[in-house]
Amino acid sequence: MSDIVLKAATELIGARETRGGYVVGTTNLLPSGDLVKLFITLGKTSCLVTDRGMAVTQLEDMGAKATDAAKALKVYARKFGVSANTSEIFHSSSLSDIPASIVLVANAVSDVVKEEARRLKFSSRRDIKEALSQYLRRRVGEIADTKRTLRGLYAEHEFAHVFESTTDKRIIIVDPVLSEPSSINSRVVAHFDVRAELGTGVEGLMVYDDEEDWTVEKLGLLRLAGDAVPFRHIDKALSSRLPLH
């Protein structure tokens, strides 16, 4: 019966016998750099393939709560037609279906870890809008909350922070922007339109979170419409334009 497992693992990384079954390696790479490993228990006519808690361990190491990890397991298990409890992803099948079971469970483990890693990263990232507001209240004072609607050549656009330069009376727009395409597009269009109407009388500073992954292409779009300012350099960008405390 061991030949069945070894044959099933030939196209994967390999298998080794252990107490109560077999450990099978796969080619599914996780964000941690680990490869998914599964455990196979054989019966007379059936087998059980399980991750023995690998997905949960990976998720908890990334900071996921145990209850959230358990919910995620069930969601992704259903997606691949396998099963899950609060700690494992598993699948029971006939001996002849061992190869398919290995692939299904490995893919479920891989997907849940990758997608939850992406979600956790998103939920834990800095709120650039709030961070910018707090910074301006601290460094500029009461005039920081200066939400205004400015008329562009084709439409009116709302900006969270609009100031008047202390040197030449130009309008200074300090505008937070997210890395999502919808945020980039809406801010670039707004700055383009207002600049088309006001010309050199307006200057746009688009502040982005430099802790996020910004591509050269995304930053290039921002720079077409104004100055792209990383949040860590906002003090330097504003010091020559506004009276900072």
C-alpha atoms as a PDB file:
ATOM      1  CA  MET A   1       0.000   0.000   0.000  1.00  0.00           C
ATOM      2  CA  SER A   2       2.974   2.301   0.532  1.00  0.00           C
ATOM      3  CA  ASP A   3       3.606   2.107  -3.220  1.00  0.00           C
ATOM      4  CA  ILE A   4       0.337   3.951  -3.777  1.00  0.00           C
ATOM      5  CA  VAL A   5       1.468   6.934  -1.717  1.00  0.00           C
ATOM      6  CA  LEU A   6       4.955   6.976  -3.162  1.00  0.00           C
ATOM      7  CA  LYS A   7       3.593   6.865  -6.702  1.00  0.00           C
ATOM      8  CA  ALA A   8       1.141   9.677  -5.919  1.00  0.00           C
ATOM      9  CA  ALA A   9       3.979  11.823  -4.606  1.00  0.00           C
ATOM     10  CA  THR A  10       6.315  11.217  -7.524  1.00  0.00           C
ATOM     11  CA  GLU A  11       5.182  14.345  -9.342  1.00  0.00           C
ATOM     12  CA  LEU A  12       5.385  16.389  -6.149  1.00  0.00           C
ATOM     13  CA  ILE A  13       8.373  16.845  -3.846  1.00  0.00           C
ATOM     14  CA  GLY A  14       8.381  13.372  -2.335  1.00  0.00           C
ATOM     15  CA  ALA A  15       7.033  11.299   0.532  1.00  0.00           C
ATOM     16  CA  ARG A  16       8.443   9.663   3.601  1.00  0.00           C
ATOM     17  CA  GLU A  17       6.895   7.158   5.915  1.00  0.00           C
ATOM     18  CA  THR A  18       6.234   8.209   9.485  1.00  0.00           C
ATOM     19  CA  ARG A  19       4.318   6.828  12.448  1.00  0.00           C
ATOM     20  CA  GLY A  20       0.732   6.285  11.388  1.00  0.00           C
ATOM     21  CA  GLY A  21       1.100   7.327   7.783  1.00  0.00           C
ATOM     22  CA  TYR A  22       3.137   9.371   5.331  1.00  0.00           C
ATOM     23  CA  VAL A  23       4.363  12.961   5.094  1.00  0.00           C
ATOM     24  CA  VAL A  24       4.085  14.287   1.551  1.00  0.00           C
ATOM     25  CA  GLY A  25       5.802  17.400   0.242  1.00  0.00           C
ATOM     26  CA  THR A  26       4.234  19.632  -2.411  1.00  0.00           C
ATOM     27  CA  THR A  27       5.322  22.492  -4.654  1.00  0.00           C
ATOM     28  CA  ASN A  28       2.858  24.956  -3.086  1.00  0.00           C
ATOM     29  CA  LEU A  29       4.910  27.858  -1.749  1.00  0.00           C
ATOM     30  CA  LEU A  30       3.561  29.938   1.161  1.00  0.00           C
ATOM     31  CA  PRO A  31       4.343  33.611   1.944  1.00  0.00           C
ATOM     32  CA  SER A  32       6.629  32.445   4.769  1.00  0.00           C
ATOM     33  CA  GLY A  33       8.796  30.607   2.253  1.00  0.00           C
ATOM     34  CA  ASP A  34       7.655  27.186   3.489  1.00  0.00           C
ATOM     35  CA  LEU A  35       6.286  24.542   1.157  1.00  0.00           C
ATOM     36  CA  VAL A  36       2.954  22.931   2.027  1.00  0.00           C
ATOM     37  CA  LYS A  37       3.401  19.514   3.646  1.00  0.00           C
ATOM     38  CA  LEU A  38       0.546  17.068   4.088  1.00  0.00           C
ATOM     39  CA  PHE A  39      -0.017  13.965   6.165  1.00  0.00           C
ATOM     40  CA  ILE A  40      -1.678  10.872   4.684  1.00  0.00           C
ATOM     41  CA  THR A  41      -3.332   8.087   6.662  1.00  0.00           C
ATOM     42  CA  LEU A  42      -4.263   4.931   4.755  1.00  0.00           C
ATOM     43  CA  GLY A  43      -7.181   2.599   5.342  1.00  0.00           C
ATOM     44  CA  LYS A  44      -8.008  -0.618   3.521  1.00  0.00           C
ATOM     45  CA  THR A  45      -9.908   1.117   0.755  1.00  0.00           C
ATOM     46  CA  SER A  46      -9.667   4.804   1.595  1.00  0.00           C
ATOM     47  CA  CYS A  47      -7.244   7.488   2.700  1.00  0.00           C
ATOM     48  CA  LEU A  48      -7.278  10.726   4.675  1.00  0.00           C
ATOM     49  CA  VAL A  49      -5.141  13.680   3.556  1.00  0.00           C
ATOM     50  CA  THR A  50      -4.701  16.482   6.102  1.00  0.00           C
ATOM     51  CA  ASP A  51      -2.479  19.516   6.638  1.00  0.00           C
ATOM     52  CA  ARG A  52      -2.254  18.723  10.379  1.00  0.00           C
ATOM     53  CA  GLY A  53      -2.767  22.348  11.325  1.00  0.00           C
ATOM     54  CA  MET A  54      -0.178  23.887   8.991  1.00  0.00           C
ATOM     55  CA  ALA A  55      -2.555  26.543   7.633  1.00  0.00           C
ATOM     56  CA  VAL A  56      -3.736  27.593  11.102  1.00  0.00           C
ATOM     57  CA  THR A  57      -0.163  27.789  12.370  1.00  0.00           C
ATOM     58  CA  GLN A  58       0.852  29.970   9.439  1.00  0.00           C
ATOM     59  CA  LEU A  59      -2.131  32.287   9.939  1.00  0.00           C
ATOM     60  CA  GLU A  60      -1.601  32.649  13.682  1.00  0.00           C
ATOM     61  CA  ASP A  61       2.084  33.378  13.104  1.00  0.00           C
ATOM     62  CA  MET A  62       0.947  36.298  10.924  1.00  0.00           C
ATOM     63  CA  GLY A  63      -1.241  37.635  13.717  1.00  0.00           C
ATOM     64  CA  ALA A  64      -4.647  36.171  12.838  1.00  0.00           C
ATOM     65  CA  LYS A  65      -7.009  35.392  15.687  1.00  0.00           C
ATOM     66  CA  ALA A  66      -7.758  31.683  16.195  1.00  0.00           C
ATOM     67  CA  THR A  67     -11.485  32.217  15.553  1.00  0.00           C
ATOM     68  CA  ASP A  68     -10.818  34.135  12.329  1.00  0.00           C
ATOM     69  CA  ALA A  69      -8.371  31.483  11.149  1.00  0.00           C
ATOM     70  CA  ALA A  70     -10.923  28.732  11.772  1.00  0.00           C
ATOM     71  CA  LYS A  71     -13.564  30.595   9.746  1.00  0.00           C
ATOM     72  CA  ALA A  72     -11.122  31.130   6.890  1.00  0.00           C
ATOM     73  CA  LEU A  73     -10.254  27.424   6.780  1.00  0.00           C
ATOM     74  CA  LYS A  74     -13.886  26.467   6.220  1.00  0.00           C
ATOM     75  CA  VAL A  75     -14.372  29.078   3.506  1.00  0.00           C
ATOM     76  CA  TYR A  76     -11.404  27.914   1.450  1.00  0.00           C
ATOM     77  CA  ALA A  77     -12.043  24.243   2.129  1.00  0.00           C
ATOM     78  CA  ARG A  78     -15.495  24.596   0.561  1.00  0.00           C
ATOM     79  CA  LYS A  79     -13.948  26.383  -2.411  1.00  0.00           C
ATOM     80  CA  PHE A  80     -11.834  23.305  -3.209  1.00  0.00           C
ATOM     81  CA  GLY A  81     -14.418  20.692  -2.255  1.00  0.00           C
ATOM     82  CA  VAL A  82     -12.548  19.500   0.827  1.00  0.00           C
ATOM     83  CA  SER A  83     -13.330  19.710   4.552  1.00  0.00           C
ATOM     84  CA  ALA A  84     -12.086  21.676   7.549  1.00  0.00           C
ATOM     85  CA  ASN A  85     -12.558  21.907  11.285  1.00  0.00           C
ATOM     86  CA  THR A  86     -11.189  24.584  13.609  1.00  0.00           C
ATOM     87  CA  SER A  87      -7.612  23.404  13.188  1.00  0.00           C
ATOM     88  CA  GLU A  88      -7.163  21.343  10.009  1.00  0.00           C
ATOM     89  CA  ILE A  89      -7.961  21.148   6.320  1.00  0.00           C
ATOM     90  CA  PHE A  90      -8.530  17.565   5.217  1.00  0.00           C
ATOM     91  CA  HIS A  91     -10.094  15.305   2.600  1.00  0.00           C
ATOM     92  CA  SER A  92     -11.138  11.665   2.618  1.00  0.00           C
ATOM     93  CA  SER A  93     -11.140   9.698  -0.621  1.00  0.00           C
ATOM     94  CA  SER A  94     -10.556   6.329  -2.209  1.00  0.00           C
ATOM     95  CA  LEU A  95      -6.989   5.111  -2.572  1.00  0.00           C
ATOM     96  CA  SER A  96      -7.098   5.700  -6.314  1.00  0.00           C
ATOM     97  CA  ASP A  97      -7.914   9.378  -5.710  1.00  0.00           C
ATOM     98  CA  ILE A  98      -4.894  10.099  -3.503  1.00  0.00           C
ATOM     99  CA  PRO A  99      -3.186  12.326  -6.140  1.00  0.00           C
ATOM    100  CA  ALA A 100      -6.288  14.484  -6.531  1.00  0.00           C
ATOM    101  CA  SER A 101      -6.778  14.712  -2.766  1.00  0.00           C
ATOM    102  CA  ILE A 102      -3.195  15.875  -2.281  1.00  0.00           C
ATOM    103  CA  VAL A 103      -3.610  18.595  -4.904  1.00  0.00           C
ATOM    104  CA  LEU A 104      -6.958  19.797  -3.538  1.00  0.00           C
ATOM    105  CA  VAL A 105      -5.839  20.011   0.097  1.00  0.00           C
ATOM    106  CA  ALA A 106      -2.504  21.603  -0.814  1.00  0.00           C
ATOM    107  CA  ASN A 107      -4.238  24.233  -2.953  1.00  0.00           C
ATOM    108  CA  ALA A 108      -6.744  24.978  -0.184  1.00  0.00           C
ATOM    109  CA  VAL A 109      -3.922  25.462   2.326  1.00  0.00           C
ATOM    110  CA  SER A 110      -1.967  27.640  -0.085  1.00  0.00           C
ATOM    111  CA  ASP A 111      -4.932  29.839  -0.998  1.00  0.00           C
ATOM    112  CA  VAL A 112      -6.174  30.439   2.540  1.00  0.00           C
ATOM    113  CA  VAL A 113      -2.717  31.420   3.771  1.00  0.00           C
ATOM    114  CA  LYS A 114      -1.959  33.715   0.812  1.00  0.00           C
ATOM    115  CA  GLU A 115      -5.356  35.431   0.780  1.00  0.00           C
ATOM    116  CA  GLU A 116      -5.503  35.890   4.543  1.00  0.00           C
ATOM    117  CA  ALA A 117      -1.938  37.247   4.513  1.00  0.00           C
ATOM    118  CA  ARG A 118      -3.064  39.815   1.947  1.00  0.00           C
ATOM    119  CA  ARG A 119      -6.145  40.696   4.009  1.00  0.00           C
ATOM    120  CA  LEU A 120      -4.173  41.015   7.243  1.00  0.00           C
ATOM    121  CA  LYS A 121      -1.652  43.284   5.567  1.00  0.00           C
ATOM    122  CA  PHE A 122      -4.447  45.489   4.243  1.00  0.00           C
ATOM    123  CA  SER A 123      -6.266  45.722   7.577  1.00  0.00           C
ATOM    124  CA  SER A 124      -3.107  46.524   9.517  1.00  0.00           C
ATOM    125  CA  ARG A 125      -1.787  49.210   7.201  1.00  0.00           C
ATOM    126  CA  ARG A 126      -1.672  52.849   8.199  1.00  0.00           C
ATOM    127  CA  ASP A 127      -4.746  54.990   7.531  1.00  0.00           C
ATOM    128  CA  ILE A 128      -2.987  57.669   5.488  1.00  0.00           C
ATOM    129  CA  LYS A 129      -5.991  60.004   5.578  1.00  0.00           C
ATOM    130  CA  GLU A 130      -6.178  59.968   9.363  1.00  0.00           C
ATOM    131  CA  ALA A 131      -2.391  60.060   9.750  1.00  0.00           C
ATOM    132  CA  LEU A 132      -2.199  63.161   7.550  1.00  0.00           C
ATOM    133  CA  SER A 133      -5.052  64.862   9.414  1.00  0.00           C
ATOM    134  CA  GLN A 134      -3.397  64.224  12.774  1.00  0.00           C
ATOM    135  CA  TYR A 135      -0.063  65.497  11.491  1.00  0.00           C
ATOM    136  CA  LEU A 136      -1.599  68.733  10.163  1.00  0.00           C
ATOM    137  CA  ARG A 137      -3.532  69.381  13.379  1.00  0.00           C
ATOM    138  CA  ARG A 138      -0.289  69.012  15.312  1.00  0.00           C
ATOM    139  CA  ARG A 139       1.923  71.048  12.968  1.00  0.00           C
ATOM    140  CA  VAL A 140      -0.464  73.635  11.526  1.00  0.00           C
ATOM    141  CA  GLY A 141      -3.093  73.942  14.229  1.00  0.00           C
ATOM    142  CA  GLU A 142      -6.778  74.747  13.904  1.00  0.00           C
ATOM    143  CA  ILE A 143      -6.521  75.649  10.225  1.00  0.00           C
ATOM    144  CA  ALA A 144      -5.630  72.014   9.447  1.00  0.00           C
ATOM    145  CA  ASP A 145      -9.280  71.016   8.972  1.00  0.00           C
ATOM    146  CA  THR A 146      -9.773  73.058   5.826  1.00  0.00           C
ATOM    147  CA  LYS A 147     -11.960  70.892   3.617  1.00  0.00           C
ATOM    148  CA  ARG A 148     -12.891  72.890   0.556  1.00  0.00           C
ATOM    149  CA  THR A 149     -14.538  72.469  -2.802  1.00  0.00           C
ATOM    150  CA  LEU A 150     -12.550  73.962  -5.658  1.00  0.00           C
ATOM    151  CA  ARG A 151     -13.896  74.647  -9.107  1.00  0.00           C
ATOM    152  CA  GLY A 152     -12.025  73.013 -11.953  1.00  0.00           C
ATOM    153  CA  LEU A 153     -12.318  73.610 -15.658  1.00  0.00           C
ATOM    154  CA  TYR A 154     -14.984  70.902 -16.024  1.00  0.00           C
ATOM    155  CA  ALA A 155     -16.268  70.121 -12.520  1.00  0.00           C
ATOM    156  CA  GLU A 156     -16.045  70.888  -8.822  1.00  0.00           C
ATOM    157  CA  HIS A 157     -13.739  68.773  -6.663  1.00  0.00           C
ATOM    158  CA  GLU A 158     -13.552  68.325  -2.898  1.00  0.00           C
ATOM    159  CA  PHE A 159     -10.219  68.296  -1.093  1.00  0.00           C
ATOM    160  CA  ALA A 160      -9.588  67.499   2.572  1.00  0.00           C
ATOM    161  CA  HIS A 161      -6.881  70.128   3.204  1.00  0.00           C
ATOM    162  CA  VAL A 162      -6.582  73.418   1.313  1.00  0.00           C
ATOM    163  CA  PHE A 163      -4.323  76.257   2.504  1.00  0.00           C
ATOM    164  CA  GLU A 164      -3.024  79.590   1.292  1.00  0.00           C
ATOM    165  CA  SER A 165       0.720  79.907   0.842  1.00  0.00           C
ATOM    166  CA  THR A 166       2.458  82.272   3.282  1.00  0.00           C
ATOM    167  CA  THR A 167       4.786  83.556   0.567  1.00  0.00           C
ATOM    168  CA  ASP A 168       2.852  84.168  -2.637  1.00  0.00           C
ATOM    169  CA  LYS A 169      -0.824  83.575  -1.789  1.00  0.00           C
ATOM    170  CA  ARG A 170      -1.051  80.469  -3.952  1.00  0.00           C
ATOM    171  CA  ILE A 171      -3.570  77.806  -3.028  1.00  0.00           C
ATOM    172  CA  ILE A 172      -1.839  74.750  -1.555  1.00  0.00           C
ATOM    173  CA  ILE A 173      -3.767  71.458  -1.766  1.00  0.00           C
ATOM    174  CA  VAL A 174      -2.487  68.753   0.599  1.00  0.00           C
ATOM    175  CA  ASP A 175      -4.263  65.623  -0.570  1.00  0.00           C
ATOM    176  CA  PRO A 176      -3.928  62.037   0.777  1.00  0.00           C
ATOM    177  CA  VAL A 177      -4.020  59.322  -1.869  1.00  0.00           C
ATOM    178  CA  LEU A 178      -4.273  55.541  -1.554  1.00  0.00           C
ATOM    179  CA  SER A 179      -2.479  53.016  -3.738  1.00  0.00           C
ATOM    180  CA  GLU A 180      -5.734  51.681  -5.198  1.00  0.00           C
ATOM    181  CA  PRO A 181      -6.351  52.585  -8.866  1.00  0.00           C
ATOM    182  CA  SER A 182      -9.701  54.229  -8.051  1.00  0.00           C
ATOM    183  CA  SER A 183      -8.072  56.592  -5.522  1.00  0.00           C
ATOM    184  CA  ILE A 184      -5.154  57.413  -7.814  1.00  0.00           C
ATOM    185  CA  ASN A 185      -7.415  58.087 -10.795  1.00  0.00           C
ATOM    186  CA  SER A 186      -9.880  60.289  -8.891  1.00  0.00           C
ATOM    187  CA  ARG A 187      -7.124  62.387  -7.285  1.00  0.00           C
ATOM    188  CA  VAL A 188      -5.123  62.803 -10.491  1.00  0.00           C
ATOM    189  CA  VAL A 189      -8.227  63.874 -12.428  1.00  0.00           C
ATOM    190  CA  ALA A 190      -9.211  66.337  -9.680  1.00  0.00           C
ATOM    191  CA  HIS A 191      -5.755  67.942  -9.558  1.00  0.00           C
ATOM    192  CA  PHE A 192      -5.504  68.124 -13.338  1.00  0.00           C
ATOM    193  CA  ASP A 193      -8.913  69.781 -13.630  1.00  0.00           C
ATOM    194  CA  VAL A 194      -8.319  72.351 -10.876  1.00  0.00           C
ATOM    195  CA  ARG A 195      -4.888  73.212 -12.245  1.00  0.00           C
ATOM    196  CA  ALA A 196      -6.394  73.655 -15.711  1.00  0.00           C
ATOM    197  CA  GLU A 197      -8.751  76.271 -14.222  1.00  0.00           C
ATOM    198  CA  LEU A 198      -6.411  78.053 -11.779  1.00  0.00           C
ATOM    199  CA  GLY A 199      -3.067  77.575 -13.495  1.00  0.00           C
ATOM    200  CA  THR A 200      -0.039  78.629 -11.473  1.00  0.00           C
ATOM    201  CA  GLY A 201      -2.307  79.897  -8.713  1.00  0.00           C
ATOM    202  CA  VAL A 202      -2.621  76.408  -7.267  1.00  0.00           C
ATOM    203  CA  GLU A 203      -0.117  73.776  -6.160  1.00  0.00           C
ATOM    204  CA  GLY A 204      -1.054  70.171  -5.429  1.00  0.00           C
ATOM    205  CA  LEU A 205       0.781  67.929  -2.985  1.00  0.00           C
ATOM    206  CA  MET A 206      -0.414  64.334  -3.145  1.00  0.00           C
ATOM    207  CA  VAL A 207       0.687  62.553   0.017  1.00  0.00           C
ATOM    208  CA  TYR A 208       1.085  58.777  -0.172  1.00  0.00           C
ATOM    209  CA  ASP A 209       1.943  56.127   2.396  1.00  0.00           C
ATOM    210  CA  ASP A 210       5.512  55.114   1.640  1.00  0.00           C
ATOM    211  CA  GLU A 211       5.096  52.006   3.829  1.00  0.00           C
ATOM    212  CA  GLU A 212       2.868  50.573   1.107  1.00  0.00           C
ATOM    213  CA  ASP A 213       4.068  49.023  -2.142  1.00  0.00           C
ATOM    214  CA  TRP A 214       3.988  51.825  -4.708  1.00  0.00           C
ATOM    215  CA  THR A 215       5.138  51.002  -8.218  1.00  0.00           C
ATOM    216  CA  VAL A 216       7.062  53.403 -10.434  1.00  0.00           C
ATOM    217  CA  GLU A 217       4.031  53.546 -12.728  1.00  0.00           C
ATOM    218  CA  LYS A 218       1.647  54.598  -9.942  1.00  0.00           C
ATOM    219  CA  LEU A 219       3.993  57.292  -8.663  1.00  0.00           C
ATOM    220  CA  GLY A 220       4.459  58.468 -12.242  1.00  0.00           C
ATOM    221  CA  LEU A 221       0.726  59.076 -12.543  1.00  0.00           C
ATOM    222  CA  LEU A 222       0.721  61.178  -9.374  1.00  0.00           C
ATOM    223  CA  ARG A 223       3.634  63.277 -10.598  1.00  0.00           C
ATOM    224  CA  LEU A 224       1.799  64.087 -13.816  1.00  0.00           C
ATOM    225  CA  ALA A 225      -0.773  66.017 -11.788  1.00  0.00           C
ATOM    226  CA  GLY A 226       1.333  67.477  -8.965  1.00  0.00           C
ATOM    227  CA  ASP A 227       4.031  66.729  -6.420  1.00  0.00           C
ATOM    228  CA  ALA A 228       4.034  63.154  -5.032  1.00  0.00           C
ATOM    229  CA  VAL A 229       5.125  63.419  -1.396  1.00  0.00           C
ATOM    230  CA  PRO A 230       5.915  60.349   0.751  1.00  0.00           C
ATOM    231  CA  PHE A 231       4.380  60.718   4.197  1.00  0.00           C
ATOM    232  CA  ARG A 232       7.746  60.509   5.925  1.00  0.00           C
ATOM    233  CA  HIS A 233       8.859  63.647   4.041  1.00  0.00           C
ATOM    234  CA  ILE A 234       5.696  65.714   4.532  1.00  0.00           C
ATOM    235  CA  ASP A 235       7.393  68.001   7.056  1.00  0.00           C
ATOM    236  CA  LYS A 236      10.100  68.950   4.581  1.00  0.00           C
ATOM    237  CA  ALA A 237       7.563  69.483   1.791  1.00  0.00           C
ATOM    238  CA  LEU A 238       5.402  71.848   3.853  1.00  0.00           C
ATOM    239  CA  SER A 239       8.042  73.781   5.784  1.00  0.00           C
ATOM    240  CA  SER A 240       8.648  76.214   2.914  1.00  0.00           C
ATOM    241  CA  ARG A 241       4.973  76.629   2.142  1.00  0.00           C
ATOM    242  CA  LEU A 242       3.103  76.842   5.454  1.00  0.00           C
ATOM    243  CA  PRO A 243       3.801  78.135   8.986  1.00  0.00           C
ATOM    244  CA  LEU A 244       4.481  74.950  10.958  1.00  0.00           C
ATOM    245  CA  HIS A 245       4.479  74.784  14.761  1.00  0.00           C
END
